[in-house]
Amino acid sequence: MRAAVRLLQTAGFLCGGLQAVSAGAADPSAYIVLTTDYVFRGVTFSDGNPAFQAGADLALDNGIYFGIWGSSVDISNGPTRQRDLEVNYYVGYSHELQRDWTLNVNAVAYTYPGTEGDIDYDYFEYSIAANYKDRAWFEYSYSPDLFHSARDTHNVELYAEWPLPAAFLLGAGAGYYDVSALAGSGYAYWQLGVTRPAGRFDIDLRYHDTNRAVPIISVEDRAEARIVLSAILPF
């Protein structure tokens, strides 16, 4: 399965891009994505509007991988706290534990270039993920200092996929983002979607939802149910 598709299907595991990397390949890969909405852990980061995304990564024969991923965003917390661009840098290591299991560890720098105001939204997150037969993933992520608040966060997520007739792929996932140290509570989120190749593109239709909005992270209209259509073009 093509890397860019995995990126979209796991968008909500950070690591959309990280799990897309093949640890055995030494060639670079790149992709662009046009989507009707950028959703991260169940919350829209583009205010329900279309977003343009692109990324590139390189996996080495020794299991080390690194890359960059970016997206247009529309997150407003007042006139001096508008975020319009997100750029993420990541590095990690993938190791095959046994025939059916692979372990990934990685670090990601989330950055928001051009953001003005008195809050620094850039932060680091560290993750460990287990992959079973490229069909099921469990990931735990930790940030020690979200938005330079000196508050830590934890995220756990499970994602699985199943091949269907006519080249369709069904994917489903659920997670819990614990931001209680910063926002007073955490929230659950989930997704369900199908992906299918269409020429050079992969087309993905996906449903996202959460059980609540939490302060600082989201508001009601950003955390509500939504359907997202995306086209992914890998190079």
Protein backbone atom coordinates (compact mmCIF):
# COMPACT_ATOMS: atom_id res chain seq x y z
CA MET A 1 0.00 0.00 0.00
CA ARG A 2 1.28 3.44 -0.93
CA ALA A 3 2.84 5.58 1.78
CA ALA A 4 0.67 8.66 1.26
CA VAL A 5 -2.47 6.67 1.92
CA ARG A 6 -1.16 5.53 5.28
CA LEU A 7 -0.42 9.17 6.07
CA LEU A 8 -4.04 10.09 5.61
CA GLN A 9 -5.52 7.06 7.30
CA THR A 10 -3.53 7.61 10.45
CA ALA A 11 -3.92 11.37 10.56
CA GLY A 12 -4.68 11.51 14.11
CA PHE A 13 -1.88 9.24 15.03
CA LEU A 14 0.74 11.96 14.54
CA CYS A 15 2.43 9.83 12.81
CA GLY A 16 0.58 9.70 9.77
CA GLY A 17 3.90 10.09 8.07
CA LEU A 18 5.92 7.99 10.45
CA GLN A 19 3.94 4.82 9.98
CA ALA A 20 4.02 5.38 6.26
CA VAL A 21 7.77 4.87 6.11
CA SER A 22 9.10 1.47 5.11
CA ALA A 23 12.08 0.64 7.28
CA GLY A 24 13.62 -1.51 4.61
CA ALA A 25 13.73 1.10 1.88
CA ALA A 26 16.62 3.47 1.24
CA ASP A 27 14.86 5.64 -1.34
CA PRO A 28 13.13 8.93 -0.56
CA SER A 29 9.40 9.32 -1.03
CA ALA A 30 7.14 12.36 -1.30
CA TYR A 31 3.44 13.06 -1.60
CA ILE A 32 0.85 15.83 -1.77
CA VAL A 33 -2.67 15.74 -0.36
CA LEU A 34 -5.75 17.81 -1.17
CA THR A 35 -8.38 17.41 1.52
CA THR A 36 -11.74 18.98 2.31
CA ASP A 37 -10.74 19.27 5.99
CA TYR A 38 -7.58 18.76 8.02
CA VAL A 39 -8.56 16.69 11.08
CA PHE A 40 -6.08 15.83 13.84
CA ARG A 41 -7.22 13.56 16.68
CA GLY A 42 -10.83 14.23 15.83
CA VAL A 43 -10.53 18.04 15.78
CA THR A 44 -10.50 20.17 12.63
CA PHE A 45 -7.32 22.20 12.22
CA SER A 46 -8.60 24.00 9.11
CA ASP A 47 -11.90 25.26 10.54
CA GLY A 48 -13.83 22.83 8.34
CA ASN A 49 -12.24 24.23 5.17
CA PRO A 50 -10.08 22.55 2.50
CA ALA A 51 -6.36 22.16 3.18
CA PHE A 52 -3.27 21.50 1.10
CA GLN A 53 -0.68 19.13 2.55
CA ALA A 54 2.70 17.81 1.44
CA GLY A 55 5.47 15.70 2.87
CA ALA A 56 8.72 13.92 2.15
CA ASP A 57 10.64 11.25 4.02
CA LEU A 58 13.65 9.01 3.80
CA ALA A 59 14.07 5.56 5.37
CA LEU A 60 17.51 4.00 5.67
CA ASP A 61 18.45 0.33 5.61
CA ASN A 62 19.40 0.43 9.30
CA GLY A 63 15.82 1.33 10.35
CA ILE A 64 16.34 5.05 10.90
CA TYR A 65 13.90 7.37 9.14
CA PHE A 66 13.27 11.10 9.06
CA GLY A 67 11.13 13.57 7.18
CA ILE A 68 9.03 16.70 6.99
CA TRP A 69 5.27 17.21 6.66
CA GLY A 70 3.27 20.41 6.28
CA SER A 71 -0.32 21.59 6.00
CA SER A 72 -2.29 24.77 5.68
CA VAL A 73 -4.30 25.35 8.88
CA ASP A 74 -6.88 27.83 10.15
CA ILE A 75 -6.77 28.01 13.95
CA SER A 76 -7.77 31.30 15.53
CA ASN A 77 -7.51 32.12 19.23
CA GLY A 78 -7.94 35.86 18.78
CA PRO A 79 -6.47 38.40 16.32
CA THR A 80 -2.90 37.93 17.59
CA ARG A 81 -2.99 34.12 17.84
CA GLN A 82 -3.86 33.01 14.34
CA ARG A 83 -2.12 29.88 13.04
CA ASP A 84 -2.13 29.49 9.23
CA LEU A 85 0.64 26.96 8.63
CA GLU A 86 1.84 23.79 10.35
CA VAL A 87 5.21 22.20 9.60
CA ASN A 88 6.29 19.01 11.38
CA TYR A 89 9.79 17.52 11.45
CA TYR A 90 10.32 13.94 12.60
CA VAL A 91 12.98 11.33 13.15
CA GLY A 92 12.57 7.75 14.29
CA TYR A 93 13.69 4.17 14.29
CA SER A 94 11.81 1.08 13.09
CA HIS A 95 12.75 -2.44 14.18
CA GLU A 96 11.22 -5.78 13.25
CA LEU A 97 10.69 -7.64 16.51
CA GLN A 98 9.66 -10.89 14.85
CA ARG A 99 8.00 -11.97 11.66
CA ASP A 100 4.64 -10.29 12.26
CA TRP A 101 5.53 -7.39 14.58
CA THR A 102 7.37 -4.11 14.04
CA LEU A 103 8.20 -1.50 16.67
CA ASN A 104 8.60 2.22 15.92
CA VAL A 105 9.92 4.97 18.17
CA ASN A 106 10.04 8.58 17.03
CA ALA A 107 10.23 12.23 17.97
CA VAL A 108 8.24 14.97 16.24
CA ALA A 109 8.59 18.73 16.33
CA TYR A 110 5.24 20.45 15.67
CA THR A 111 5.84 24.01 14.49
CA TYR A 112 3.57 26.86 13.37
CA PRO A 113 5.68 29.33 11.37
CA GLY A 114 4.52 32.94 11.22
CA THR A 115 2.28 32.75 14.31
CA GLU A 116 2.15 36.04 16.20
CA GLY A 117 1.21 36.73 19.79
CA ASP A 118 2.39 35.91 23.29
CA ILE A 119 1.93 32.11 23.08
CA ASP A 120 4.51 29.79 21.53
CA TYR A 121 2.49 26.92 20.05
CA ASP A 122 5.51 24.89 18.91
CA TYR A 123 6.11 21.67 20.86
CA PHE A 124 7.74 18.23 20.80
CA GLU A 125 6.01 14.87 21.05
CA TYR A 126 7.55 11.41 21.48
CA SER A 127 5.84 8.21 20.38
CA ILE A 128 6.16 4.45 20.43
CA ALA A 129 4.04 2.32 18.10
CA ALA A 130 3.60 -1.41 17.53
CA ASN A 131 2.55 -2.64 14.09
CA TYR A 132 1.06 -6.11 13.49
CA LYS A 133 1.31 -7.37 9.88
CA ASP A 134 0.72 -3.85 8.50
CA ARG A 135 -2.91 -4.31 9.51
CA ALA A 136 -3.12 -3.09 13.10
CA TRP A 137 -1.28 -0.36 15.00
CA PHE A 138 -1.17 0.71 18.63
CA GLU A 139 0.51 4.00 19.48
CA TYR A 140 1.31 5.89 22.67
CA SER A 141 2.49 9.51 22.45
CA TYR A 142 3.78 11.87 25.12
CA SER A 143 4.51 15.59 25.15
CA PRO A 144 6.25 17.04 28.22
CA ASP A 145 5.43 20.69 27.49
CA LEU A 146 2.45 21.31 25.18
CA PHE A 147 2.41 24.91 23.91
CA HIS A 148 5.22 25.74 26.37
CA SER A 149 2.71 25.47 29.21
CA ALA A 150 4.87 23.18 31.40
CA ARG A 151 1.94 20.73 31.24
CA ASP A 152 2.31 17.21 29.86
CA THR A 153 -0.11 15.32 27.59
CA HIS A 154 -0.64 11.67 26.69
CA ASN A 155 -2.33 10.09 23.68
CA VAL A 156 -3.19 6.45 23.00
CA GLU A 157 -4.67 5.20 19.76
CA LEU A 158 -5.55 1.93 18.06
CA TYR A 159 -6.01 1.70 14.30
CA ALA A 160 -6.77 -1.29 12.04
CA GLU A 161 -7.61 -1.89 8.40
CA TRP A 162 -9.08 -4.65 6.26
CA PRO A 163 -8.93 -5.20 2.48
CA LEU A 164 -12.30 -5.29 0.70
CA PRO A 165 -13.34 -6.34 -2.82
CA ALA A 166 -12.70 -4.01 -5.78
CA ALA A 167 -9.43 -2.68 -4.27
CA PHE A 168 -11.18 -0.89 -1.41
CA LEU A 169 -9.52 -0.71 2.01
CA LEU A 170 -11.57 -0.23 5.18
CA GLY A 171 -9.88 1.49 8.13
CA ALA A 172 -11.09 2.24 11.64
CA GLY A 173 -9.47 3.73 14.70
CA ALA A 174 -10.14 5.19 18.13
CA GLY A 175 -8.07 7.06 20.66
CA TYR A 176 -7.99 9.08 23.84
CA TYR A 177 -6.10 12.38 24.16
CA ASP A 178 -5.35 13.14 27.82
CA VAL A 179 -4.81 16.89 28.07
CA SER A 180 -6.20 17.13 31.60
CA ALA A 181 -3.03 18.70 33.02
CA LEU A 182 -3.49 21.61 30.61
CA ALA A 183 -7.22 21.76 29.87
CA GLY A 184 -8.82 20.06 32.87
CA SER A 185 -10.05 17.01 30.95
CA GLY A 186 -9.28 14.73 28.04
CA TYR A 187 -11.46 13.48 25.21
CA ALA A 188 -12.05 10.39 23.07
CA TYR A 189 -12.08 10.42 19.27
CA TRP A 190 -12.65 7.90 16.49
CA GLN A 191 -12.62 7.52 12.72
CA LEU A 192 -13.96 5.19 10.02
CA GLY A 193 -13.13 5.36 6.33
CA VAL A 194 -12.49 3.69 3.01
CA THR A 195 -9.62 4.20 0.57
CA ARG A 196 -9.30 3.18 -3.08
CA PRO A 197 -6.68 3.78 -5.81
CA ALA A 198 -7.86 5.87 -8.76
CA GLY A 199 -5.12 6.07 -11.36
CA ARG A 200 -2.11 7.76 -9.79
CA PHE A 201 -4.21 9.02 -6.90
CA ASP A 202 -5.58 7.40 -3.77
CA ILE A 203 -9.05 8.62 -2.81
CA ASP A 204 -10.07 8.50 0.85
CA LEU A 205 -13.51 9.11 2.37
CA ARG A 206 -13.51 9.26 6.18
CA TYR A 207 -15.79 9.99 9.12
CA HIS A 208 -14.37 11.63 12.28
CA ASP A 209 -15.96 12.43 15.63
CA THR A 210 -15.16 13.15 19.29
CA ASN A 211 -17.11 12.84 22.52
CA ARG A 212 -16.51 16.42 23.65
CA ALA A 213 -14.69 19.68 23.12
CA VAL A 214 -12.08 20.63 25.71
CA PRO A 215 -10.72 24.11 26.52
CA ILE A 216 -7.57 25.30 24.70
CA ILE A 217 -7.59 22.25 22.39
CA SER A 218 -10.96 22.78 20.69
CA VAL A 219 -14.40 24.37 20.76
CA GLU A 220 -17.76 22.73 20.03
CA ASP A 221 -17.87 23.34 16.27
CA ARG A 222 -14.28 22.13 15.79
CA ALA A 223 -14.82 18.87 17.69
CA GLU A 224 -18.12 17.83 16.11
CA ALA A 225 -18.69 14.97 13.65
CA ARG A 226 -17.47 15.52 10.09
CA ILE A 227 -16.87 13.68 6.83
CA VAL A 228 -13.61 14.31 4.96
CA LEU A 229 -12.77 13.55 1.32
CA SER A 230 -9.11 13.54 0.31
CA ALA A 231 -7.00 12.88 -2.78
CA ILE A 232 -3.42 11.72 -2.23
CA LEU A 233 -0.74 11.80 -4.91
CA PRO A 234 2.48 9.92 -4.06
CA PHE A 235 5.71 10.45 -6.00
